[in-house]
Every structure is written in structure tokens, then in C-alpha cells.
Amino acid sequence: SICLINGGCLGTETFKNLVLPGVGSITVVDGHTVSARDLGNNFFVTQAHIGQPRAKVAAEMLQELNEDVDASKFVAEDPSTLVARSPEFFDAFTAVVATQLEEAPLLELGRRCWANGVPLIIAKINGFVGYTRIVMPELCIVESKPDSALQDLRVPRPFPELLEISDAMDLDV
């Protein structure tokens, strides 16, 4: 169960890559309506969607990608307001992906997610520059069978041509 904050171009593109392989369920939180600006950078929306809640449109379009994923839930409310008013809303998710969220609500959301052990993935873009950060307690992984054994690259029975080439080399030089 993953929450997407802001269903703009970055959010829907990110979630497309989670919905296609079959993540369990998603909930989109976005207080904006689809505008003409969205048509130029988000291929999930069409001109017919202008004026509709972006959270609803994003959820519907993501649902069409994989019928096994429950993408029917959305909250058409400004994420900053939701974080301030009902931060406990985010406790129910196994992960939260916040895209293009302002600093103040992001810090509050980060504290809430950290306290409840919910990973928070932060993503922002500005043109060709992108930023991603994962906020979660340290996760220690112990590898019981490490792959650090040295490989033996010696040739036990070299073929005659290889012997001839190696004998012709002066390794001291």
C-alpha cells in the first residue's frame, strides 16, 4: 500500500513503474486540477481531463495500466493541508512517495514517517535536474554467503598458441 503525493508528471511516471509489475494498492493525494500546463508534460492526461481533480485522473489512468492493482483510492486535497490537519493518514501505508512537495510539510511528513517506520521517498525535478532521497531508519543487511572469494583466472592447460605468445613476452620489461 503506497501513497503518492502529487499526481503530476513525476508522480505518475514513477507510479507507472510500480503499477505495471503489480504493486498491491496505491492512493493518490493531490489538490490540483488538471490544467493546460499538465498536457505538455504528463502523457497520462488529455484535454478532456482539464478541470478535473488531478488525483482522480491520475488514479484512474494508473488503474488502467494493471487491473490487478487497486488504484481506485484518491484524495483531492492539498497535501500540505492534509499533512498539517491529519498526519496520521500516512501511518496506514507501507511507503510514501512525495513528489514536488514544499519543505515545511515535507519535514513534518518526514518526522511522522520516521517515527512510524514508514519509508518516505522524496523526488523533485526542475527541468533536467532531478533529486531523490529516501528517508528511513538504517537497514542493516548481513550477507551470510559473501561473493568475495577470489576467482582463479589461471589457465591450467594452455593451448600451444597461448604458450608461444606468453614465452615471447619479456615480463621484466
N, C-alpha and C. Protein backbone atom coordinates (compact mmCIF):
# COMPACT_ATOMS: atom_id res chain seq x y z
N SER A 1 0.85 -1.17 0.00
CA SER A 1 0.00 0.00 0.00
C SER A 1 0.90 1.24 0.00
N ILE A 2 0.91 1.95 -1.11
CA ILE A 2 1.81 3.08 -1.28
C ILE A 2 1.00 4.34 -1.54
N CYS A 3 1.44 5.43 -0.93
CA CYS A 3 0.77 6.72 -1.12
C CYS A 3 1.62 7.59 -2.04
N LEU A 4 0.99 8.16 -3.04
CA LEU A 4 1.64 9.10 -3.94
C LEU A 4 1.15 10.50 -3.61
N ILE A 5 2.08 11.37 -3.28
CA ILE A 5 1.74 12.77 -3.03
C ILE A 5 2.07 13.56 -4.28
N ASN A 6 1.09 14.16 -4.87
CA ASN A 6 1.12 14.96 -6.10
C ASN A 6 1.20 14.06 -7.34
N GLY A 7 0.11 14.02 -8.05
CA GLY A 7 -0.02 13.18 -9.24
C GLY A 7 0.36 13.90 -10.52
N GLY A 8 1.41 14.69 -10.47
CA GLY A 8 1.90 15.37 -11.66
C GLY A 8 2.72 14.43 -12.52
N CYS A 9 3.51 15.00 -13.42
CA CYS A 9 4.27 14.17 -14.36
C CYS A 9 5.27 13.26 -13.65
N LEU A 10 5.98 13.76 -12.65
CA LEU A 10 6.96 12.94 -11.93
C LEU A 10 6.27 11.82 -11.14
N GLY A 11 5.20 12.16 -10.46
CA GLY A 11 4.49 11.16 -9.66
C GLY A 11 3.87 10.05 -10.48
N THR A 12 3.19 10.43 -11.56
CA THR A 12 2.53 9.39 -12.37
C THR A 12 3.55 8.53 -13.11
N GLU A 13 4.63 9.13 -13.54
CA GLU A 13 5.67 8.35 -14.23
C GLU A 13 6.34 7.37 -13.26
N THR A 14 6.58 7.82 -12.05
CA THR A 14 7.16 6.95 -11.02
C THR A 14 6.22 5.80 -10.70
N PHE A 15 4.95 6.12 -10.53
CA PHE A 15 3.99 5.09 -10.15
C PHE A 15 3.65 4.17 -11.31
N LYS A 16 3.80 4.63 -12.52
CA LYS A 16 3.61 3.73 -13.67
C LYS A 16 4.56 2.54 -13.53
N ASN A 17 5.79 2.82 -13.09
CA ASN A 17 6.79 1.77 -12.95
C ASN A 17 6.54 0.86 -11.74
N LEU A 18 5.65 1.26 -10.85
CA LEU A 18 5.24 0.39 -9.74
C LEU A 18 3.97 -0.37 -10.07
N VAL A 19 3.08 0.26 -10.82
CA VAL A 19 1.80 -0.36 -11.17
C VAL A 19 1.99 -1.47 -12.21
N LEU A 20 2.83 -1.26 -13.20
CA LEU A 20 2.99 -2.26 -14.26
C LEU A 20 3.42 -3.63 -13.72
N PRO A 21 4.41 -3.72 -12.82
CA PRO A 21 4.73 -5.04 -12.29
C PRO A 21 3.76 -5.55 -11.24
N GLY A 22 2.90 -4.67 -10.70
CA GLY A 22 1.83 -5.15 -9.84
C GLY A 22 1.96 -4.85 -8.36
N VAL A 23 2.29 -3.62 -7.98
CA VAL A 23 2.27 -3.25 -6.57
C VAL A 23 0.85 -3.42 -6.04
N GLY A 24 0.67 -3.70 -4.76
CA GLY A 24 -0.66 -4.01 -4.20
C GLY A 24 -1.70 -2.94 -4.41
N SER A 25 -1.52 -1.77 -3.78
CA SER A 25 -2.51 -0.71 -3.94
C SER A 25 -1.83 0.65 -3.81
N ILE A 26 -2.45 1.64 -4.43
CA ILE A 26 -1.92 2.99 -4.36
C ILE A 26 -3.06 3.95 -4.01
N THR A 27 -2.67 5.04 -3.38
CA THR A 27 -3.58 6.13 -3.08
C THR A 27 -2.90 7.41 -3.54
N VAL A 28 -3.59 8.21 -4.32
CA VAL A 28 -3.03 9.46 -4.84
C VAL A 28 -3.61 10.63 -4.04
N VAL A 29 -2.72 11.49 -3.55
CA VAL A 29 -3.12 12.70 -2.83
C VAL A 29 -2.65 13.89 -3.64
N ASP A 30 -3.59 14.69 -4.12
CA ASP A 30 -3.25 15.86 -4.93
C ASP A 30 -4.41 16.84 -4.90
N GLY A 31 -4.15 18.08 -4.59
CA GLY A 31 -5.20 19.08 -4.51
C GLY A 31 -5.38 19.91 -5.76
N HIS A 32 -4.58 19.67 -6.78
CA HIS A 32 -4.67 20.45 -8.01
C HIS A 32 -5.71 19.86 -8.97
N THR A 33 -6.13 20.69 -9.91
CA THR A 33 -6.96 20.20 -11.01
C THR A 33 -6.08 20.16 -12.25
N VAL A 34 -6.45 19.33 -13.20
CA VAL A 34 -5.69 19.22 -14.44
C VAL A 34 -5.80 20.54 -15.20
N SER A 35 -4.65 21.06 -15.61
CA SER A 35 -4.62 22.32 -16.36
C SER A 35 -3.96 22.08 -17.71
N ALA A 36 -3.99 23.10 -18.54
CA ALA A 36 -3.36 23.00 -19.87
C ALA A 36 -1.87 22.74 -19.73
N ARG A 37 -1.27 23.23 -18.66
CA ARG A 37 0.16 23.02 -18.42
C ARG A 37 0.46 21.52 -18.27
N ASP A 38 -0.45 20.79 -17.64
CA ASP A 38 -0.26 19.35 -17.46
C ASP A 38 -0.22 18.60 -18.79
N LEU A 39 -0.92 19.10 -19.79
CA LEU A 39 -0.96 18.43 -21.09
C LEU A 39 0.41 18.37 -21.74
N GLY A 40 1.24 19.37 -21.45
CA GLY A 40 2.56 19.43 -22.08
C GLY A 40 3.61 18.54 -21.44
N ASN A 41 3.38 18.08 -20.20
CA ASN A 41 4.44 17.30 -19.54
C ASN A 41 3.95 16.01 -18.88
N ASN A 42 2.69 15.68 -19.02
CA ASN A 42 2.16 14.47 -18.40
C ASN A 42 1.32 13.71 -19.42
N PHE A 43 1.86 12.62 -19.95
CA PHE A 43 1.14 11.92 -21.01
C PHE A 43 -0.04 11.11 -20.49
N PHE A 44 -0.28 11.12 -19.17
CA PHE A 44 -1.43 10.43 -18.61
C PHE A 44 -2.70 11.25 -18.71
N VAL A 45 -2.60 12.53 -19.00
CA VAL A 45 -3.80 13.38 -19.06
C VAL A 45 -4.06 13.84 -20.49
N THR A 46 -5.33 14.07 -20.78
CA THR A 46 -5.73 14.56 -22.10
C THR A 46 -6.51 15.86 -21.91
N GLN A 47 -6.84 16.47 -23.00
CA GLN A 47 -7.58 17.73 -22.95
C GLN A 47 -8.95 17.54 -22.29
N ALA A 48 -9.51 16.36 -22.41
CA ALA A 48 -10.81 16.07 -21.79
C ALA A 48 -10.74 16.09 -20.27
N HIS A 49 -9.53 15.96 -19.71
CA HIS A 49 -9.36 15.94 -18.26
C HIS A 49 -9.22 17.33 -17.64
N ILE A 50 -9.08 18.36 -18.45
CA ILE A 50 -8.87 19.71 -17.92
C ILE A 50 -10.03 20.09 -16.99
N GLY A 51 -9.66 20.58 -15.79
CA GLY A 51 -10.64 20.99 -14.80
C GLY A 51 -11.02 19.91 -13.81
N GLN A 52 -10.66 18.65 -14.09
CA GLN A 52 -10.96 17.55 -13.17
C GLN A 52 -9.87 17.46 -12.10
N PRO A 53 -10.19 16.89 -10.94
CA PRO A 53 -9.16 16.72 -9.91
C PRO A 53 -8.02 15.83 -10.43
N ARG A 54 -6.79 16.32 -10.28
CA ARG A 54 -5.63 15.58 -10.80
C ARG A 54 -5.46 14.25 -10.07
N ALA A 55 -5.81 14.20 -8.78
CA ALA A 55 -5.70 12.94 -8.02
C ALA A 55 -6.60 11.88 -8.62
N LYS A 56 -7.82 12.25 -8.96
CA LYS A 56 -8.78 11.32 -9.54
C LYS A 56 -8.31 10.84 -10.91
N VAL A 57 -7.87 11.76 -11.74
CA VAL A 57 -7.42 11.41 -13.09
C VAL A 57 -6.20 10.50 -13.02
N ALA A 58 -5.23 10.84 -12.16
CA ALA A 58 -4.03 10.01 -12.03
C ALA A 58 -4.38 8.61 -11.56
N ALA A 59 -5.27 8.50 -10.57
CA ALA A 59 -5.67 7.18 -10.07
C ALA A 59 -6.35 6.36 -11.16
N GLU A 60 -7.24 7.00 -11.92
CA GLU A 60 -7.94 6.28 -13.00
C GLU A 60 -6.98 5.80 -14.07
N MET A 61 -6.06 6.68 -14.46
CA MET A 61 -5.13 6.31 -15.53
C MET A 61 -4.15 5.23 -15.07
N LEU A 62 -3.73 5.29 -13.82
CA LEU A 62 -2.84 4.25 -13.30
C LEU A 62 -3.58 2.92 -13.18
N GLN A 63 -4.87 2.97 -12.82
CA GLN A 63 -5.66 1.75 -12.71
C GLN A 63 -5.77 1.04 -14.06
N GLU A 64 -5.85 1.81 -15.13
CA GLU A 64 -5.96 1.21 -16.46
C GLU A 64 -4.72 0.42 -16.86
N LEU A 65 -3.58 0.73 -16.25
CA LEU A 65 -2.34 0.05 -16.61
C LEU A 65 -2.29 -1.39 -16.12
N ASN A 66 -2.94 -1.67 -14.98
CA ASN A 66 -2.89 -3.01 -14.41
C ASN A 66 -4.13 -3.22 -13.55
N GLU A 67 -5.02 -4.07 -14.01
CA GLU A 67 -6.28 -4.29 -13.29
C GLU A 67 -6.09 -5.03 -11.97
N ASP A 68 -4.92 -5.65 -11.77
CA ASP A 68 -4.65 -6.36 -10.52
C ASP A 68 -4.22 -5.42 -9.39
N VAL A 69 -3.94 -4.18 -9.71
CA VAL A 69 -3.55 -3.19 -8.72
C VAL A 69 -4.77 -2.35 -8.34
N ASP A 70 -4.94 -2.14 -7.05
CA ASP A 70 -6.05 -1.30 -6.59
C ASP A 70 -5.57 0.15 -6.59
N ALA A 71 -5.93 0.88 -7.63
CA ALA A 71 -5.54 2.29 -7.75
C ALA A 71 -6.77 3.18 -7.72
N SER A 72 -7.81 2.72 -7.07
CA SER A 72 -9.07 3.45 -7.09
C SER A 72 -9.15 4.54 -6.03
N LYS A 73 -8.22 4.54 -5.08
CA LYS A 73 -8.31 5.50 -3.97
C LYS A 73 -7.56 6.78 -4.30
N PHE A 74 -8.19 7.90 -4.01
CA PHE A 74 -7.53 9.19 -4.20
C PHE A 74 -8.11 10.19 -3.20
N VAL A 75 -7.31 11.20 -2.89
CA VAL A 75 -7.73 12.28 -2.00
C VAL A 75 -7.47 13.58 -2.74
N ALA A 76 -8.53 14.26 -3.13
CA ALA A 76 -8.41 15.52 -3.88
C ALA A 76 -8.29 16.68 -2.89
N GLU A 77 -7.15 16.70 -2.20
CA GLU A 77 -6.90 17.74 -1.19
C GLU A 77 -5.43 18.12 -1.27
N ASP A 78 -5.13 19.36 -0.95
CA ASP A 78 -3.75 19.83 -0.95
C ASP A 78 -2.95 18.99 0.06
N PRO A 79 -1.85 18.36 -0.38
CA PRO A 79 -1.07 17.52 0.53
C PRO A 79 -0.55 18.28 1.75
N SER A 80 -0.19 19.55 1.58
CA SER A 80 0.32 20.33 2.72
C SER A 80 -0.76 20.47 3.79
N THR A 81 -1.99 20.68 3.37
CA THR A 81 -3.11 20.79 4.30
C THR A 81 -3.37 19.47 4.99
N LEU A 82 -3.30 18.37 4.23
CA LEU A 82 -3.54 17.04 4.79
C LEU A 82 -2.47 16.68 5.81
N VAL A 83 -1.22 17.02 5.53
CA VAL A 83 -0.13 16.73 6.47
C VAL A 83 -0.34 17.51 7.76
N ALA A 84 -0.74 18.78 7.66
CA ALA A 84 -0.95 19.61 8.84
C ALA A 84 -2.18 19.18 9.64
N ARG A 85 -3.25 18.83 8.94
CA ARG A 85 -4.53 18.52 9.58
C ARG A 85 -4.60 17.09 10.09
N SER A 86 -4.15 16.12 9.28
CA SER A 86 -4.30 14.70 9.63
C SER A 86 -3.03 13.91 9.30
N PRO A 87 -1.95 14.16 10.02
CA PRO A 87 -0.72 13.43 9.69
C PRO A 87 -0.85 11.92 9.90
N GLU A 88 -1.79 11.49 10.74
CA GLU A 88 -1.99 10.05 10.97
C GLU A 88 -2.49 9.33 9.72
N PHE A 89 -2.99 10.07 8.73
CA PHE A 89 -3.45 9.48 7.48
C PHE A 89 -2.35 8.65 6.83
N PHE A 90 -1.09 9.10 6.96
CA PHE A 90 0.03 8.46 6.28
C PHE A 90 0.57 7.23 7.02
N ASP A 91 0.08 6.98 8.24
CA ASP A 91 0.55 5.84 9.02
C ASP A 91 0.11 4.51 8.43
N ALA A 92 -0.94 4.49 7.64
CA ALA A 92 -1.52 3.25 7.12
C ALA A 92 -0.75 2.68 5.92
N PHE A 93 0.21 3.42 5.39
CA PHE A 93 0.89 2.99 4.18
C PHE A 93 2.20 2.28 4.49
N THR A 94 2.62 1.40 3.58
CA THR A 94 3.92 0.74 3.73
C THR A 94 5.04 1.62 3.19
N ALA A 95 4.70 2.61 2.36
CA ALA A 95 5.67 3.58 1.85
C ALA A 95 4.92 4.80 1.36
N VAL A 96 5.58 5.95 1.41
CA VAL A 96 5.01 7.21 0.92
C VAL A 96 6.00 7.81 -0.07
N VAL A 97 5.50 8.18 -1.24
CA VAL A 97 6.33 8.83 -2.26
C VAL A 97 5.83 10.26 -2.40
N ALA A 98 6.68 11.22 -2.02
CA ALA A 98 6.31 12.63 -2.07
C ALA A 98 7.04 13.29 -3.23
N THR A 99 6.28 13.78 -4.20
CA THR A 99 6.88 14.46 -5.35
C THR A 99 6.49 15.93 -5.33
N GLN A 100 7.46 16.78 -5.58
CA GLN A 100 7.24 18.21 -5.70
C GLN A 100 6.53 18.81 -4.48
N LEU A 101 6.86 18.35 -3.28
CA LEU A 101 6.25 18.85 -2.06
C LEU A 101 7.13 19.92 -1.45
N GLU A 102 6.52 20.96 -0.90
CA GLU A 102 7.26 22.06 -0.28
C GLU A 102 7.98 21.59 0.98
N GLU A 103 8.96 22.38 1.42
CA GLU A 103 9.84 21.97 2.51
C GLU A 103 9.13 21.78 3.86
N ALA A 104 8.31 22.73 4.30
CA ALA A 104 7.69 22.64 5.63
C ALA A 104 6.83 21.38 5.79
N PRO A 105 5.88 21.10 4.89
CA PRO A 105 5.10 19.86 5.06
C PRO A 105 5.97 18.61 4.86
N LEU A 106 7.00 18.73 4.05
CA LEU A 106 7.89 17.59 3.82
C LEU A 106 8.65 17.22 5.09
N LEU A 107 9.10 18.22 5.83
CA LEU A 107 9.79 17.96 7.10
C LEU A 107 8.85 17.32 8.11
N GLU A 108 7.63 17.81 8.20
CA GLU A 108 6.64 17.25 9.12
C GLU A 108 6.30 15.81 8.72
N LEU A 109 6.10 15.60 7.44
CA LEU A 109 5.81 14.25 6.95
C LEU A 109 6.98 13.32 7.21
N GLY A 110 8.19 13.81 7.01
CA GLY A 110 9.39 13.01 7.27
C GLY A 110 9.48 12.58 8.73
N ARG A 111 9.19 13.51 9.66
CA ARG A 111 9.21 13.16 11.09
C ARG A 111 8.15 12.09 11.40
N ARG A 112 6.98 12.26 10.82
CA ARG A 112 5.89 11.32 11.08
C ARG A 112 6.23 9.93 10.53
N CYS A 113 6.70 9.88 9.30
CA CYS A 113 7.05 8.59 8.68
C CYS A 113 8.20 7.92 9.43
N TRP A 114 9.21 8.72 9.83
CA TRP A 114 10.36 8.17 10.56
C TRP A 114 9.91 7.53 11.87
N ALA A 115 9.04 8.24 12.61
CA ALA A 115 8.57 7.75 13.90
C ALA A 115 7.77 6.45 13.76
N ASN A 116 7.12 6.25 12.63
CA ASN A 116 6.29 5.06 12.42
C ASN A 116 6.95 3.99 11.55
N GLY A 117 8.20 4.22 11.17
CA GLY A 117 8.92 3.23 10.37
C GLY A 117 8.42 3.10 8.94
N VAL A 118 7.79 4.15 8.43
CA VAL A 118 7.29 4.13 7.05
C VAL A 118 8.32 4.82 6.16
N PRO A 119 8.87 4.12 5.17
CA PRO A 119 9.83 4.77 4.28
C PRO A 119 9.19 5.92 3.51
N LEU A 120 9.90 7.03 3.44
CA LEU A 120 9.45 8.20 2.69
C LEU A 120 10.44 8.42 1.55
N ILE A 121 9.95 8.36 0.33
CA ILE A 121 10.78 8.62 -0.85
C ILE A 121 10.44 10.01 -1.34
N ILE A 122 11.43 10.87 -1.40
CA ILE A 122 11.24 12.25 -1.83
C ILE A 122 11.82 12.39 -3.23
N ALA A 123 11.05 12.97 -4.13
CA ALA A 123 11.52 13.18 -5.50
C ALA A 123 11.09 14.56 -5.98
N LYS A 124 12.03 15.25 -6.59
CA LYS A 124 11.75 16.57 -7.15
C LYS A 124 12.47 16.68 -8.49
N ILE A 125 11.86 17.43 -9.40
CA ILE A 125 12.53 17.72 -10.67
C ILE A 125 12.33 19.19 -11.00
N ASN A 126 13.30 19.70 -11.73
CA ASN A 126 13.21 21.05 -12.26
C ASN A 126 13.92 21.01 -13.62
N GLY A 127 13.15 20.85 -14.67
CA GLY A 127 13.77 20.70 -15.99
C GLY A 127 14.49 19.37 -16.07
N PHE A 128 15.79 19.45 -16.38
CA PHE A 128 16.60 18.23 -16.50
C PHE A 128 17.31 17.86 -15.20
N VAL A 129 17.09 18.61 -14.14
CA VAL A 129 17.74 18.34 -12.86
C VAL A 129 16.76 17.63 -11.95
N GLY A 130 17.17 16.51 -11.39
CA GLY A 130 16.31 15.73 -10.52
C GLY A 130 16.97 15.47 -9.18
N TYR A 131 16.15 15.15 -8.18
CA TYR A 131 16.61 14.92 -6.82
C TYR A 131 15.77 13.81 -6.22
N THR A 132 16.42 12.84 -5.63
CA THR A 132 15.71 11.75 -4.97
C THR A 132 16.38 11.48 -3.63
N ARG A 133 15.56 11.24 -2.62
CA ARG A 133 16.10 10.94 -1.30
C ARG A 133 15.16 9.95 -0.62
N ILE A 134 15.72 9.01 0.09
CA ILE A 134 14.93 8.05 0.86
C ILE A 134 15.16 8.33 2.34
N VAL A 135 14.07 8.53 3.06
CA VAL A 135 14.14 8.81 4.49
C VAL A 135 13.59 7.60 5.23
N MET A 136 14.47 6.90 5.92
CA MET A 136 14.06 5.74 6.70
C MET A 136 15.19 5.36 7.64
N PRO A 137 14.87 4.68 8.73
CA PRO A 137 15.93 4.24 9.64
C PRO A 137 16.90 3.32 8.92
N GLU A 138 18.10 3.24 9.46
CA GLU A 138 19.14 2.41 8.85
C GLU A 138 18.67 0.96 8.77
N LEU A 139 18.95 0.35 7.65
CA LEU A 139 18.59 -1.05 7.43
C LEU A 139 19.88 -1.83 7.25
N CYS A 140 20.17 -2.68 8.20
CA CYS A 140 21.42 -3.45 8.18
C CYS A 140 21.15 -4.79 7.51
N ILE A 141 21.90 -5.09 6.48
CA ILE A 141 21.76 -6.36 5.77
C ILE A 141 23.04 -7.16 5.98
N VAL A 142 22.91 -8.35 6.53
CA VAL A 142 24.05 -9.22 6.75
C VAL A 142 24.02 -10.29 5.67
N GLU A 143 25.09 -10.34 4.91
CA GLU A 143 25.16 -11.33 3.84
C GLU A 143 25.88 -12.56 4.38
N SER A 144 25.16 -13.65 4.53
CA SER A 144 25.73 -14.84 5.15
C SER A 144 26.68 -15.60 4.21
N LYS A 145 26.52 -15.42 2.92
CA LYS A 145 27.39 -16.09 1.96
C LYS A 145 27.94 -15.05 1.00
N PRO A 146 28.98 -14.34 1.43
CA PRO A 146 29.50 -13.26 0.59
C PRO A 146 30.13 -13.80 -0.70
N ASP A 147 30.03 -13.01 -1.73
CA ASP A 147 30.61 -13.37 -3.02
C ASP A 147 31.99 -12.75 -3.18
N SER A 148 32.76 -12.71 -2.10
CA SER A 148 34.05 -12.05 -2.16
C SER A 148 35.21 -13.01 -2.41
N ALA A 149 34.93 -14.26 -2.68
CA ALA A 149 36.01 -15.20 -2.96
C ALA A 149 36.71 -14.81 -4.25
N LEU A 150 38.04 -14.86 -4.22
CA LEU A 150 38.81 -14.51 -5.41
C LEU A 150 38.64 -15.59 -6.47
N GLN A 151 38.45 -15.15 -7.67
CA GLN A 151 38.31 -16.09 -8.77
C GLN A 151 39.69 -16.48 -9.29
N ASP A 152 39.88 -17.74 -9.58
CA ASP A 152 41.13 -18.23 -10.13
C ASP A 152 41.06 -18.11 -11.65
N LEU A 153 41.83 -17.20 -12.21
CA LEU A 153 41.80 -16.96 -13.65
C LEU A 153 42.96 -17.63 -14.39
N ARG A 154 43.66 -18.53 -13.70
CA ARG A 154 44.75 -19.23 -14.37
C ARG A 154 44.21 -20.22 -15.39
N VAL A 155 45.00 -20.45 -16.43
CA VAL A 155 44.63 -21.42 -17.45
C VAL A 155 45.45 -22.68 -17.16
N PRO A 156 44.80 -23.75 -16.67
CA PRO A 156 45.58 -24.93 -16.26
C PRO A 156 46.24 -25.67 -17.42
N ARG A 157 45.61 -25.71 -18.58
CA ARG A 157 46.20 -26.39 -19.74
C ARG A 157 46.15 -25.43 -20.93
N PRO A 158 47.14 -24.55 -21.03
CA PRO A 158 47.11 -23.57 -22.12
C PRO A 158 47.33 -24.24 -23.48
N PHE A 159 46.66 -23.69 -24.47
CA PHE A 159 46.83 -24.21 -25.82
C PHE A 159 48.16 -23.70 -26.37
N PRO A 160 48.73 -24.38 -27.37
CA PRO A 160 50.09 -24.08 -27.84
C PRO A 160 50.29 -22.62 -28.27
N GLU A 161 49.33 -22.01 -28.92
CA GLU A 161 49.49 -20.63 -29.37
C GLU A 161 49.62 -19.66 -28.19
N LEU A 162 48.88 -19.93 -27.12
CA LEU A 162 48.95 -19.09 -25.92
C LEU A 162 50.32 -19.23 -25.26
N LEU A 163 50.87 -20.46 -25.22
CA LEU A 163 52.21 -20.67 -24.68
C LEU A 163 53.24 -19.93 -25.50
N GLU A 164 53.08 -19.95 -26.79
CA GLU A 164 54.02 -19.28 -27.69
C GLU A 164 54.01 -17.77 -27.46
N ILE A 165 52.82 -17.17 -27.31
CA ILE A 165 52.71 -15.73 -27.08
C ILE A 165 53.30 -15.36 -25.71
N SER A 166 52.98 -16.17 -24.69
CA SER A 166 53.48 -15.84 -23.36
C SER A 166 55.00 -16.02 -23.25
N ASP A 167 55.54 -17.00 -23.95
CA ASP A 167 57.00 -17.19 -23.93
C ASP A 167 57.71 -16.06 -24.64
N ALA A 168 57.03 -15.42 -25.63
CA ALA A 168 57.64 -14.34 -26.39
C ALA A 168 57.64 -13.02 -25.61
N MET A 169 56.88 -12.94 -24.55
CA MET A 169 56.81 -11.69 -23.76
C MET A 169 57.94 -11.65 -22.72
N ASP A 170 58.56 -10.47 -22.62
CA ASP A 170 59.57 -10.25 -21.58
C ASP A 170 58.87 -9.51 -20.44
N LEU A 171 58.46 -10.24 -19.43
CA LEU A 171 57.68 -9.66 -18.33
C LEU A 171 58.50 -8.72 -17.46
N ASP A 172 59.83 -8.83 -17.50
CA ASP A 172 60.68 -7.93 -16.72
C ASP A 172 60.68 -6.52 -17.31
N VAL A 173 60.42 -6.41 -18.58
CA VAL A 173 60.40 -5.11 -19.25
C VAL A 173 59.07 -4.46 -18.98
